[in-house]
Protein backbone atom coordinates (compact mmCIF):
# COMPACT_ATOMS: atom_id res chain seq x y z
CA UNK A 1 -7.76 2.41 3.96
CA UNK A 2 -9.42 0.95 7.04
CA UNK A 3 -12.31 -0.45 5.06
CA UNK A 4 -9.94 -2.18 2.66
CA UNK A 5 -7.04 -3.27 4.87
CA UNK A 6 -9.26 -4.49 7.72
CA UNK A 7 -11.79 -6.28 5.51
CA UNK A 8 -12.18 -10.07 5.78
CA UNK A 9 -10.91 -10.42 2.20
CA UNK A 10 -7.74 -8.46 2.98
CA UNK A 11 -7.11 -10.45 6.15
CA UNK A 12 -7.57 -13.71 4.21
CA UNK A 13 -5.24 -12.56 1.42
CA UNK A 14 -2.55 -10.87 3.52
CA UNK A 15 -2.58 -13.08 6.58
CA UNK A 16 -1.44 -11.58 9.86
CA UNK A 17 0.20 -8.17 9.40
CA UNK A 18 0.86 -4.92 11.24
CA UNK A 19 -1.76 -2.42 10.08
CA UNK A 20 0.37 0.65 10.86
CA UNK A 21 3.35 -0.70 8.92
CA UNK A 22 1.15 -1.64 5.97
CA UNK A 23 -0.39 1.82 5.93
CA UNK A 24 3.05 3.45 6.07
CA UNK A 25 4.27 1.30 3.18
CA UNK A 26 1.29 2.17 1.02
CA UNK A 27 0.87 5.86 1.88
CA UNK A 28 4.51 6.74 2.60
CA UNK A 29 5.59 7.23 -1.02
CA UNK A 30 2.63 9.52 -1.68
CA UNK A 31 3.28 11.61 1.42
CA UNK A 32 7.00 11.84 0.66
CA UNK A 33 6.42 13.30 -2.79
CA UNK A 34 4.00 15.84 -1.32
CA UNK A 35 6.28 16.87 1.57
CA UNK A 36 9.37 17.05 -0.63
CA UNK A 37 7.42 19.04 -3.23
CA UNK A 38 8.30 16.48 -5.88
CA UNK A 39 6.21 15.81 -8.95
CA UNK A 40 3.10 13.90 -7.84
CA UNK A 41 3.14 10.20 -8.56
CA UNK A 42 0.78 9.14 -11.30
CA UNK A 43 -1.71 6.31 -11.43
CA UNK A 44 0.89 3.86 -12.77
CA UNK A 45 3.17 4.55 -9.80
CA UNK A 46 0.27 4.01 -7.41
CA UNK A 47 -0.46 0.68 -9.05
CA UNK A 48 3.22 -0.28 -8.78
CA UNK A 49 3.25 0.60 -5.06
CA UNK A 50 0.24 -1.66 -4.44
CA UNK A 51 1.65 -4.45 -6.64
CA UNK A 52 4.98 -4.32 -4.76
CA UNK A 53 3.16 -4.37 -1.41
CA UNK A 54 1.16 -7.43 -2.43
CA UNK A 55 4.15 -9.20 -3.97
CA UNK A 56 6.14 -8.73 -0.76
CA UNK A 57 3.40 -10.69 1.00
CA UNK A 58 3.20 -13.39 -1.65
CA UNK A 59 -0.15 -12.19 -3.00
CA UNK A 60 -0.60 -11.94 -6.75
CA UNK A 61 -2.40 -8.83 -7.98
């Protein structure tokens, strides 16, 4: 995550952001399903999480 979220491309695309909050938003749903022993999220759900994260910042995926 560090390599991606702290890269020059990410900083250009996302603008100024709180790294810890961004990490929580992206990883939180995955951790929740694991801790709550829910069915693991599939690839499509992972893509949706990233798309929603980017859309919230006005970045098209």
